C-alpha atoms as a PDB file:
ATOM      1  CA  UNK A   1      91.711 140.139 104.813  1.00  0.00           C
ATOM      2  CA  UNK A   2      93.256 139.765 101.381  1.00  0.00           C
ATOM      3  CA  UNK A   3      95.464 136.956 102.723  1.00  0.00           C
ATOM      4  CA  UNK A   4      92.474 134.949 104.017  1.00  0.00           C
ATOM      5  CA  UNK A   5      90.633 135.442 100.727  1.00  0.00           C
ATOM      6  CA  UNK A   6      93.708 134.140  98.873  1.00  0.00           C
ATOM      7  CA  UNK A   7      94.071 131.184 101.261  1.00  0.00           C
ATOM      8  CA  UNK A   8      90.404 130.220 100.860  1.00  0.00           C
ATOM      9  CA  UNK A   9      90.720 130.508  97.076  1.00  0.00           C
ATOM     10  CA  UNK A  10      93.897 128.376  97.086  1.00  0.00           C
ATOM     11  CA  UNK A  11      92.503 125.545  99.217  1.00  0.00           C
ATOM     12  CA  UNK A  12      89.178 125.548  97.384  1.00  0.00           C
ATOM     13  CA  UNK A  13      90.962 125.141  94.067  1.00  0.00           C
ATOM     14  CA  UNK A  14      93.318 122.523  95.511  1.00  0.00           C
ATOM     15  CA  UNK A  15      90.305 120.409  96.486  1.00  0.00           C
ATOM     16  CA  UNK A  16      88.700 120.988  93.103  1.00  0.00           C
ATOM     17  CA  UNK A  17      91.909 119.979  91.343  1.00  0.00           C
ATOM     18  CA  UNK A  18      92.376 116.807  93.391  1.00  0.00           C
ATOM     19  CA  UNK A  19      88.917 115.668  94.522  1.00  0.00           C
ATOM     20  CA  UNK A  20      88.684 112.725  96.883  1.00  0.00           C
ATOM     21  CA  UNK A  21      88.241 109.506  94.880  1.00  0.00           C
ATOM     22  CA  UNK A  22      85.158 107.351  95.283  1.00  0.00           C
ATOM     23  CA  UNK A  23      85.320 103.878  96.870  1.00  0.00           C
ATOM     24  CA  UNK A  24      84.546 102.432  93.438  1.00  0.00           C
ATOM     25  CA  UNK A  25      87.814 103.864  92.033  1.00  0.00           C
ATOM     26  CA  UNK A  26      90.414 101.246  91.075  1.00  0.00           C
ATOM     27  CA  UNK A  27      93.647 100.243  92.786  1.00  0.00           C
ATOM     28  CA  UNK A  28      96.698 100.937  90.605  1.00  0.00           C
ATOM     29  CA  UNK A  29      99.614  98.482  90.641  1.00  0.00           C
ATOM     30  CA  UNK A  30     102.809  98.354  88.627  1.00  0.00           C
ATOM     31  CA  UNK A  31     105.885  96.205  88.250  1.00  0.00           C
ATOM     32  CA  UNK A  32     108.499  95.535  85.588  1.00  0.00           C
ATOM     33  CA  UNK A  33     106.711  92.323  84.625  1.00  0.00           C
ATOM     34  CA  UNK A  34     104.715  89.474  86.129  1.00  0.00           C
ATOM     35  CA  UNK A  35     106.040  89.717  89.692  1.00  0.00           C
ATOM     36  CA  UNK A  36     103.490  92.296  90.815  1.00  0.00           C
ATOM     37  CA  UNK A  37     100.741  89.866  89.843  1.00  0.00           C
ATOM     38  CA  UNK A  38     101.436  88.076  93.139  1.00  0.00           C
ATOM     39  CA  UNK A  39     100.515  91.310  94.940  1.00  0.00           C
ATOM     40  CA  UNK A  40      97.493  91.844  92.676  1.00  0.00           C
ATOM     41  CA  UNK A  41      96.331  88.299  93.413  1.00  0.00           C
ATOM     42  CA  UNK A  42      96.672  88.841  97.173  1.00  0.00           C
ATOM     43  CA  UNK A  43      94.638  92.062  96.865  1.00  0.00           C
ATOM     44  CA  UNK A  44      91.964  90.215  94.913  1.00  0.00           C
ATOM     45  CA  UNK A  45      91.816  87.501  97.591  1.00  0.00           C
ATOM     46  CA  UNK A  46      91.695  90.010 100.476  1.00  0.00           C
ATOM     47  CA  UNK A  47      89.383  92.536  98.776  1.00  0.00           C
ATOM     48  CA  UNK A  48      87.409  90.712  96.071  1.00  0.00           C
ATOM     49  CA  UNK A  49      85.187  93.708  95.290  1.00  0.00           C
ATOM     50  CA  UNK A  50      88.098  95.963  94.362  1.00  0.00           C
ATOM     51  CA  UNK A  51      88.928  96.708  90.733  1.00  0.00           C
ATOM     52  CA  UNK A  52      92.585  96.595  89.697  1.00  0.00           C
ATOM     53  CA  UNK A  53      94.478  98.443  86.988  1.00  0.00           C
ATOM     54  CA  UNK A  54      97.856  96.804  86.489  1.00  0.00           C
ATOM     55  CA  UNK A  55     100.811  97.997  84.423  1.00  0.00           C
ATOM     56  CA  UNK A  56     103.608  95.574  83.603  1.00  0.00           C
ATOM     57  CA  UNK A  57     106.602  97.402  82.150  1.00  0.00           C
ATOM     58  CA  UNK A  58     107.720  94.385  80.146  1.00  0.00           C
ATOM     59  CA  UNK A  59     109.598  96.569  77.642  1.00  0.00           C
ATOM     60  CA  UNK A  60     112.132  97.483  80.345  1.00  0.00           C
ATOM     61  CA  UNK A  61     112.342  94.337  82.457  1.00  0.00           C
ATOM     62  CA  UNK A  62     114.210  93.447  84.509  1.00  0.00           C
ATOM     63  CA  UNK A  63     114.543  96.667  86.511  1.00  0.00           C
ATOM     64  CA  UNK A  64     117.270  95.055  88.605  1.00  0.00           C
ATOM     65  CA  UNK A  65     120.024  95.787  86.087  1.00  0.00           C
ATOM     66  CA  UNK A  66     118.864  99.297  85.098  1.00  0.00           C
ATOM     67  CA  UNK A  67     120.423 102.602  86.181  1.00  0.00           C
ATOM     68  CA  UNK A  68     118.688 104.328  89.131  1.00  0.00           C
ATOM     69  CA  UNK A  69     117.768 107.337  86.986  1.00  0.00           C
ATOM     70  CA  UNK A  70     116.038 105.110  84.445  1.00  0.00           C
ATOM     71  CA  UNK A  71     114.095 103.268  87.156  1.00  0.00           C
ATOM     72  CA  UNK A  72     112.910 106.592  88.602  1.00  0.00           C
ATOM     73  CA  UNK A  73     111.775 107.804  85.181  1.00  0.00           C
ATOM     74  CA  UNK A  74     109.936 104.569  84.350  1.00  0.00           C
ATOM     75  CA  UNK A  75     108.242 104.472  87.755  1.00  0.00           C
ATOM     76  CA  UNK A  76     107.040 108.074  87.732  1.00  0.00           C
ATOM     77  CA  UNK A  77     105.716 107.802  84.176  1.00  0.00           C
ATOM     78  CA  UNK A  78     103.700 104.709  85.060  1.00  0.00           C
ATOM     79  CA  UNK A  79     102.456 106.171  88.351  1.00  0.00           C
ATOM     80  CA  UNK A  80     101.266 109.293  86.536  1.00  0.00           C
ATOM     81  CA  UNK A  81      99.426 107.096  84.039  1.00  0.00           C
ATOM     82  CA  UNK A  82      97.706 105.124  86.818  1.00  0.00           C
ATOM     83  CA  UNK A  83      96.705 108.374  88.523  1.00  0.00           C
ATOM     84  CA  UNK A  84      95.239 109.589  85.210  1.00  0.00           C
ATOM     85  CA  UNK A  85      93.088 106.449  85.208  1.00  0.00           C
ATOM     86  CA  UNK A  86      91.484 107.558  88.480  1.00  0.00           C
ATOM     87  CA  UNK A  87      93.258 105.145  90.834  1.00  0.00           C
ATOM     88  CA  UNK A  88      92.624 105.754  94.544  1.00  0.00           C
ATOM     89  CA  UNK A  89      95.979 104.306  95.598  1.00  0.00           C
ATOM     90  CA  UNK A  90      99.118 103.368  93.664  1.00  0.00           C
ATOM     91  CA  UNK A  91     101.174 100.354  94.678  1.00  0.00           C
ATOM     92  CA  UNK A  92     104.786 100.044  93.547  1.00  0.00           C
ATOM     93  CA  UNK A  93     104.691  96.236  93.404  1.00  0.00           C
ATOM     94  CA  UNK A  94     108.382  95.970  92.616  1.00  0.00           C
ATOM     95  CA  UNK A  95     111.138  95.850  95.204  1.00  0.00           C
ATOM     96  CA  UNK A  96     113.710  97.426  92.899  1.00  0.00           C
ATOM     97  CA  UNK A  97     111.420 100.368  92.093  1.00  0.00           C
ATOM     98  CA  UNK A  98     110.366 100.591  95.748  1.00  0.00           C
ATOM     99  CA  UNK A  99     113.972 100.803  96.934  1.00  0.00           C
ATOM    100  CA  UNK A 100     115.094 103.309  94.304  1.00  0.00           C
ATOM    101  CA  UNK A 101     112.056 105.270  93.077  1.00  0.00           C
ATOM    102  CA  UNK A 102     109.562 105.338  95.958  1.00  0.00           C
ATOM    103  CA  UNK A 103     110.601 108.758  97.297  1.00  0.00           C
ATOM    104  CA  UNK A 104     110.745 110.153  93.749  1.00  0.00           C
ATOM    105  CA  UNK A 105     107.213 108.968  92.954  1.00  0.00           C
ATOM    106  CA  UNK A 106     105.816 110.011  96.325  1.00  0.00           C
ATOM    107  CA  UNK A 107     107.363 113.487  96.122  1.00  0.00           C
ATOM    108  CA  UNK A 108     105.811 114.053  92.690  1.00  0.00           C
ATOM    109  CA  UNK A 109     102.302 112.624  93.075  1.00  0.00           C
ATOM    110  CA  UNK A 110     101.963 111.799  96.782  1.00  0.00           C
ATOM    111  CA  UNK A 111      99.821 114.869  97.443  1.00  0.00           C
ATOM    112  CA  UNK A 112      97.400 113.788  94.725  1.00  0.00           C
ATOM    113  CA  UNK A 113      97.237 110.069  95.498  1.00  0.00           C
ATOM    114  CA  UNK A 114      98.613 107.796  98.255  1.00  0.00           C
ATOM    115  CA  UNK A 115     101.616 105.742  97.121  1.00  0.00           C
ATOM    116  CA  UNK A 116     102.648 102.485  98.801  1.00  0.00           C
ATOM    117  CA  UNK A 117     105.912 100.594  98.419  1.00  0.00           C
ATOM    118  CA  UNK A 118     106.401  96.896  99.131  1.00  0.00           C
ATOM    119  CA  UNK A 119     109.323  97.302 101.533  1.00  0.00           C
ATOM    120  CA  UNK A 120     108.026  99.202 104.571  1.00  0.00           C
ATOM    121  CA  UNK A 121     105.052  96.846 105.247  1.00  0.00           C
ATOM    122  CA  UNK A 122     107.426  93.859 105.250  1.00  0.00           C
ATOM    123  CA  UNK A 123     109.915  95.631 107.533  1.00  0.00           C
ATOM    124  CA  UNK A 124     107.090  96.443 109.958  1.00  0.00           C
ATOM    125  CA  UNK A 125     105.945  92.824 109.992  1.00  0.00           C
ATOM    126  CA  UNK A 126     109.372  91.233 110.441  1.00  0.00           C
ATOM    127  CA  UNK A 127     110.618  93.729 113.023  1.00  0.00           C
ATOM    128  CA  UNK A 128     107.666  92.919 115.329  1.00  0.00           C
ATOM    129  CA  UNK A 129     108.840  89.342 115.811  1.00  0.00           C
ATOM    130  CA  UNK A 130     111.097  89.138 118.868  1.00  0.00           C
ATOM    131  CA  UNK A 131     112.251  85.618 117.922  1.00  0.00           C
ATOM    132  CA  UNK A 132     114.135  86.840 114.868  1.00  0.00           C
ATOM    133  CA  UNK A 133     117.899  87.237 115.298  1.00  0.00           C
ATOM    134  CA  UNK A 134     119.343  86.758 111.808  1.00  0.00           C
ATOM    135  CA  UNK A 135     117.414  87.841 108.712  1.00  0.00           C
ATOM    136  CA  UNK A 136     118.356  86.914 105.154  1.00  0.00           C
ATOM    137  CA  UNK A 137     117.342  89.047 102.167  1.00  0.00           C
ATOM    138  CA  UNK A 138     117.442  87.945  98.519  1.00  0.00           C
ATOM    139  CA  UNK A 139     116.596  90.211  95.606  1.00  0.00           C
ATOM    140  CA  UNK A 140     117.850  91.853  92.433  1.00  0.00           C
ATOM    141  CA  UNK A 141     121.252  93.517  92.294  1.00  0.00           C
ATOM    142  CA  UNK A 142     119.653  96.974  92.459  1.00  0.00           C
ATOM    143  CA  UNK A 143     117.508  96.126  95.483  1.00  0.00           C
ATOM    144  CA  UNK A 144     120.394  94.576  97.406  1.00  0.00           C
ATOM    145  CA  UNK A 145     122.774  97.371  96.399  1.00  0.00           C
ATOM    146  CA  UNK A 146     120.323  99.979  97.728  1.00  0.00           C
ATOM    147  CA  UNK A 147     120.500  98.436 101.212  1.00  0.00           C
ATOM    148  CA  UNK A 148     116.910  99.511 101.931  1.00  0.00           C
ATOM    149  CA  UNK A 149     115.844  96.332 103.730  1.00  0.00           C
ATOM    150  CA  UNK A 150     118.975  96.139 105.870  1.00  0.00           C
ATOM    151  CA  UNK A 151     118.860  99.837 106.722  1.00  0.00           C
ATOM    152  CA  UNK A 152     115.176  99.891 107.624  1.00  0.00           C
ATOM    153  CA  UNK A 153     115.308  96.666 109.647  1.00  0.00           C
ATOM    154  CA  UNK A 154     118.328  97.739 111.676  1.00  0.00           C
ATOM    155  CA  UNK A 155     116.818 101.188 112.239  1.00  0.00           C
ATOM    156  CA  UNK A 156     113.825  99.500 113.876  1.00  0.00           C
ATOM    157  CA  UNK A 157     115.798  96.834 115.743  1.00  0.00           C
ATOM    158  CA  UNK A 158     119.551  97.307 116.121  1.00  0.00           C
ATOM    159  CA  UNK A 159     119.931  93.804 117.547  1.00  0.00           C
ATOM    160  CA  UNK A 160     119.045  92.214 114.205  1.00  0.00           C
ATOM    161  CA  UNK A 161     121.731  90.761 111.984  1.00  0.00           C
ATOM    162  CA  UNK A 162     120.739  91.264 108.344  1.00  0.00           C
ATOM    163  CA  UNK A 163     122.567  89.499 105.507  1.00  0.00           C
ATOM    164  CA  UNK A 164     121.765  90.219 101.870  1.00  0.00           C
ATOM    165  CA  UNK A 165     122.475  88.218  98.710  1.00  0.00           C
ATOM    166  CA  UNK A 166     121.830  89.375  95.154  1.00  0.00           C
ATOM    167  CA  UNK A 167     120.053  86.702  93.100  1.00  0.00           C
ATOM    168  CA  UNK A 168     119.970  88.239  89.598  1.00  0.00           C
ATOM    169  CA  UNK A 169     119.010  85.095  87.674  1.00  0.00           C
ATOM    170  CA  UNK A 170     115.772  84.440  89.549  1.00  0.00           C
ATOM    171  CA  UNK A 171     113.505  87.188  88.156  1.00  0.00           C
ATOM    172  CA  UNK A 172     114.376  86.557  84.459  1.00  0.00           C
ATOM    173  CA  UNK A 173     114.038  82.812  85.084  1.00  0.00           C
ATOM    174  CA  UNK A 174     110.564  83.260  86.549  1.00  0.00           C
ATOM    175  CA  UNK A 175     109.591  85.778  83.855  1.00  0.00           C
ATOM    176  CA  UNK A 176     110.373  83.108  81.255  1.00  0.00           C
ATOM    177  CA  UNK A 177     108.223  80.554  83.071  1.00  0.00           C
ATOM    178  CA  UNK A 178     111.025  78.460  84.571  1.00  0.00           C
ATOM    179  CA  UNK A 179     109.802  77.510  88.036  1.00  0.00           C
ATOM    180  CA  UNK A 180     108.816  74.295  89.785  1.00  0.00           C
ATOM    181  CA  UNK A 181     111.248  72.288  87.669  1.00  0.00           C
ATOM    182  CA  UNK A 182     114.791  70.951  87.797  1.00  0.00           C
ATOM    183  CA  UNK A 183     116.274  74.097  86.271  1.00  0.00           C
ATOM    184  CA  UNK A 184     114.737  76.401  88.863  1.00  0.00           C
ATOM    185  CA  UNK A 185     115.681  74.100  91.754  1.00  0.00           C
ATOM    186  CA  UNK A 186     119.312  74.034  90.644  1.00  0.00           C
ATOM    187  CA  UNK A 187     119.513  77.831  90.422  1.00  0.00           C
ATOM    188  CA  UNK A 188     117.628  78.373  93.697  1.00  0.00           C
ATOM    189  CA  UNK A 189     119.726  75.863  95.637  1.00  0.00           C
ATOM    190  CA  UNK A 190     122.914  77.447  94.296  1.00  0.00           C
ATOM    191  CA  UNK A 191     121.917  80.846  95.701  1.00  0.00           C
ATOM    192  CA  UNK A 192     120.503  79.624  99.018  1.00  0.00           C
ATOM    193  CA  UNK A 193     123.598  77.572  99.798  1.00  0.00           C
ATOM    194  CA  UNK A 194     125.698  80.761 100.027  1.00  0.00           C
ATOM    195  CA  UNK A 195     127.552  80.840 103.392  1.00  0.00           C
ATOM    196  CA  UNK A 196     126.070  84.269 104.227  1.00  0.00           C
ATOM    197  CA  UNK A 197     122.589  82.723 104.437  1.00  0.00           C
ATOM    198  CA  UNK A 198     123.608  80.025 106.910  1.00  0.00           C
ATOM    199  CA  UNK A 199     121.640  79.850 110.184  1.00  0.00           C
ATOM    200  CA  UNK A 200     119.056  82.492 109.263  1.00  0.00           C
ATOM    201  CA  UNK A 201     115.729  82.644 111.107  1.00  0.00           C
ATOM    202  CA  UNK A 202     113.817  84.286 108.254  1.00  0.00           C
ATOM    203  CA  UNK A 203     114.335  84.902 104.551  1.00  0.00           C
ATOM    204  CA  UNK A 204     112.756  87.974 102.980  1.00  0.00           C
ATOM    205  CA  UNK A 205     111.834  87.481  99.334  1.00  0.00           C
ATOM    206  CA  UNK A 206     112.768  90.993  98.247  1.00  0.00           C
ATOM    207  CA  UNK A 207     111.295  90.658  94.777  1.00  0.00           C
ATOM    208  CA  UNK A 208     107.605  90.246  93.964  1.00  0.00           C
ATOM    209  CA  UNK A 209     108.507  87.553  91.407  1.00  0.00           C
ATOM    210  CA  UNK A 210     109.839  85.278  94.136  1.00  0.00           C
ATOM    211  CA  UNK A 211     106.537  84.155  95.713  1.00  0.00           C
ATOM    212  CA  UNK A 212     106.119  82.075  92.541  1.00  0.00           C
ATOM    213  CA  UNK A 213     109.081  79.975  93.696  1.00  0.00           C
ATOM    214  CA  UNK A 214     108.226  80.108  97.403  1.00  0.00           C
ATOM    215  CA  UNK A 215     107.355  76.365  97.537  1.00  0.00           C
ATOM    216  CA  UNK A 216     110.814  75.493  96.193  1.00  0.00           C
ATOM    217  CA  UNK A 217     112.513  77.840  98.670  1.00  0.00           C
ATOM    218  CA  UNK A 218     110.456  76.383 101.547  1.00  0.00           C
ATOM    219  CA  UNK A 219     111.437  72.899 100.403  1.00  0.00           C
ATOM    220  CA  UNK A 220     115.115  73.841 100.557  1.00  0.00           C
ATOM    221  CA  UNK A 221     114.792  74.931 104.195  1.00  0.00           C
ATOM    222  CA  UNK A 222     112.472  72.052 105.185  1.00  0.00           C
ATOM    223  CA  UNK A 223     110.086  74.472 106.895  1.00  0.00           C
ATOM    224  CA  UNK A 224     112.758  75.576 109.418  1.00  0.00           C
ATOM    225  CA  UNK A 225     113.021  79.155 108.128  1.00  0.00           C
ATOM    226  CA  UNK A 226     110.230  81.732 107.955  1.00  0.00           C
ATOM    227  CA  UNK A 227     109.887  82.588 104.255  1.00  0.00           C
ATOM    228  CA  UNK A 228     108.584  86.167 104.087  1.00  0.00           C
ATOM    229  CA  UNK A 229     106.907  87.291 100.874  1.00  0.00           C
ATOM    230  CA  UNK A 230     105.383  90.717 100.489  1.00  0.00           C
ATOM    231  CA  UNK A 231     102.133  89.874  98.701  1.00  0.00           C
ATOM    232  CA  UNK A 232      99.760  89.169 101.607  1.00  0.00           C
ATOM    233  CA  UNK A 233     101.538  91.663 103.883  1.00  0.00           C
ATOM    234  CA  UNK A 234     101.110  94.470 101.321  1.00  0.00           C
ATOM    235  CA  UNK A 235      97.480  93.491 100.653  1.00  0.00           C
ATOM    236  CA  UNK A 236      96.777  93.773 104.378  1.00  0.00           C
ATOM    237  CA  UNK A 237      98.396  97.233 104.520  1.00  0.00           C
ATOM    238  CA  UNK A 238      96.334  98.410 101.525  1.00  0.00           C
ATOM    239  CA  UNK A 239      93.167  97.219 103.235  1.00  0.00           C
ATOM    240  CA  UNK A 240      94.085  99.235 106.342  1.00  0.00           C
ATOM    241  CA  UNK A 241      94.833 102.393 104.329  1.00  0.00           C
ATOM    242  CA  UNK A 242      91.609 102.216 102.313  1.00  0.00           C
ATOM    243  CA  UNK A 243      89.553 101.393 105.386  1.00  0.00           C
ATOM    244  CA  UNK A 244      90.995 104.386 107.278  1.00  0.00           C
ATOM    245  CA  UNK A 245      90.168 106.651 104.328  1.00  0.00           C
ATOM    246  CA  UNK A 246      86.679 105.103 103.932  1.00  0.00           C
ATOM    247  CA  UNK A 247      87.603 104.037 100.409  1.00  0.00           C
ATOM    248  CA  UNK A 248      86.918 100.293 100.559  1.00  0.00           C
ATOM    249  CA  UNK A 249      84.689  99.251  97.680  1.00  0.00           C
ATOM    250  CA  UNK A 250      81.325  97.805  98.725  1.00  0.00           C
ATOM    251  CA  UNK A 251      80.127  96.755  95.280  1.00  0.00           C
ATOM    252  CA  UNK A 252      82.040  95.526  92.231  1.00  0.00           C
ATOM    253  CA  UNK A 253      82.151  98.333  89.685  1.00  0.00           C
ATOM    254  CA  UNK A 254      83.977  96.880  86.670  1.00  0.00           C
ATOM    255  CA  UNK A 255      86.601  94.490  85.361  1.00  0.00           C
ATOM    256  CA  UNK A 256      90.305  94.414  86.061  1.00  0.00           C
ATOM    257  CA  UNK A 257      92.461  95.938  83.341  1.00  0.00           C
ATOM    258  CA  UNK A 258      96.023  94.914  82.531  1.00  0.00           C
ATOM    259  CA  UNK A 259      98.471  96.997  80.510  1.00  0.00           C
ATOM    260  CA  UNK A 260     101.872  95.929  79.220  1.00  0.00           C
ATOM    261  CA  UNK A 261     104.516  98.064  77.552  1.00  0.00           C
ATOM    262  CA  UNK A 262     105.590  95.141  75.347  1.00  0.00           C
ATOM    263  CA  UNK A 263     103.745  91.896  74.626  1.00  0.00           C
ATOM    264  CA  UNK A 264     105.120  88.701  76.169  1.00  0.00           C
ATOM    265  CA  UNK A 265     103.366  85.338  76.124  1.00  0.00           C
ATOM    266  CA  UNK A 266     104.592  84.587  79.668  1.00  0.00           C
ATOM    267  CA  UNK A 267     102.791  87.666  81.009  1.00  0.00           C
ATOM    268  CA  UNK A 268      99.497  86.604  79.460  1.00  0.00           C
ATOM    269  CA  UNK A 269      99.900  83.032  80.708  1.00  0.00           C
ATOM    270  CA  UNK A 270     100.816  84.164  84.215  1.00  0.00           C
ATOM    271  CA  UNK A 271      97.915  86.605  84.360  1.00  0.00           C
ATOM    272  CA  UNK A 272      95.514  83.787  83.482  1.00  0.00           C
ATOM    273  CA  UNK A 273      96.909  81.729  86.367  1.00  0.00           C
ATOM    274  CA  UNK A 274      95.793  84.377  88.864  1.00  0.00           C
ATOM    275  CA  UNK A 275      92.838  85.977  87.088  1.00  0.00           C
ATOM    276  CA  UNK A 276      90.534  83.458  85.449  1.00  0.00           C
ATOM    277  CA  UNK A 277      88.204  84.177  82.553  1.00  0.00           C
ATOM    278  CA  UNK A 278      88.501  86.723  79.755  1.00  0.00           C
ATOM    279  CA  UNK A 279      91.190  89.308  80.407  1.00  0.00           C
ATOM    280  CA  UNK A 280      91.441  92.939  79.430  1.00  0.00           C
ATOM    281  CA  UNK A 281      95.071  92.886  78.352  1.00  0.00           C
ATOM    282  CA  UNK A 282      96.243  95.917  76.396  1.00  0.00           C
ATOM    283  CA  UNK A 283      99.575  96.909  74.920  1.00  0.00           C
ATOM    284  CA  UNK A 284     100.454 100.499  75.753  1.00  0.00           C
ATOM    285  CA  UNK A 285     103.775 102.219  75.096  1.00  0.00           C
ATOM    286  CA  UNK A 286     103.933 105.203  77.457  1.00  0.00           C
ATOM    287  CA  UNK A 287     107.287 106.282  76.050  1.00  0.00           C
ATOM    288  CA  UNK A 288     106.236 107.020  72.457  1.00  0.00           C
END
């Protein structure tokens, strides 16, 4: 009897401590910089009534050259902040953080709030295509070193050949606004001409910055290679998760809010590209 009374007390208080969020609650997204804005923009296009709270950790970008322990600490701190803002789902809109810190974040706050990475939805999508034989992956050093894409893809389909190339200059280049010009084309072509990427059927853009240079990458391959970016794929997965939990917003309940850990003009400019009008952009140092 005492056990059942304790169990009822425990589960009652667990529900009280972590009540189910309302559909009007925001979607939390974070990245090291502007890359996650491509995911935020896809969410806005797919679910225009949803409110977004975005955190760009510009003080620590790029994550690709940081130690795994640092990436885990940054990611958990930001995820905890987004949860404190009442977010109904948290999206790690960074491939480096997804490959290194996803389990760490999920293990710490996953019971309180669903956490989604940007890798597993892409793996699910690509692995369904029976026409794919050789898959190329480009991303930061940390993402490629983790081997997450190759491991997950081969676990689903052992017949796939997966080749990975680290492209460390691309994210900083994009962060500084160098894309769709001669400089970006030279750097992109230098990476894509690597022998390992020869005769690929698909190229996974394993960094959320890279959709900003997707037209240049498509131009290099003349439309003969499937260029896979995570933005729309992740937005579709978020829609499915929220729909299953009956948490899709049915009426707009406020403005988007953008936080940055250090001010950069490129972040503000890039945000205005995707989100028109007056922006709520706020500097917030979580590590003070």
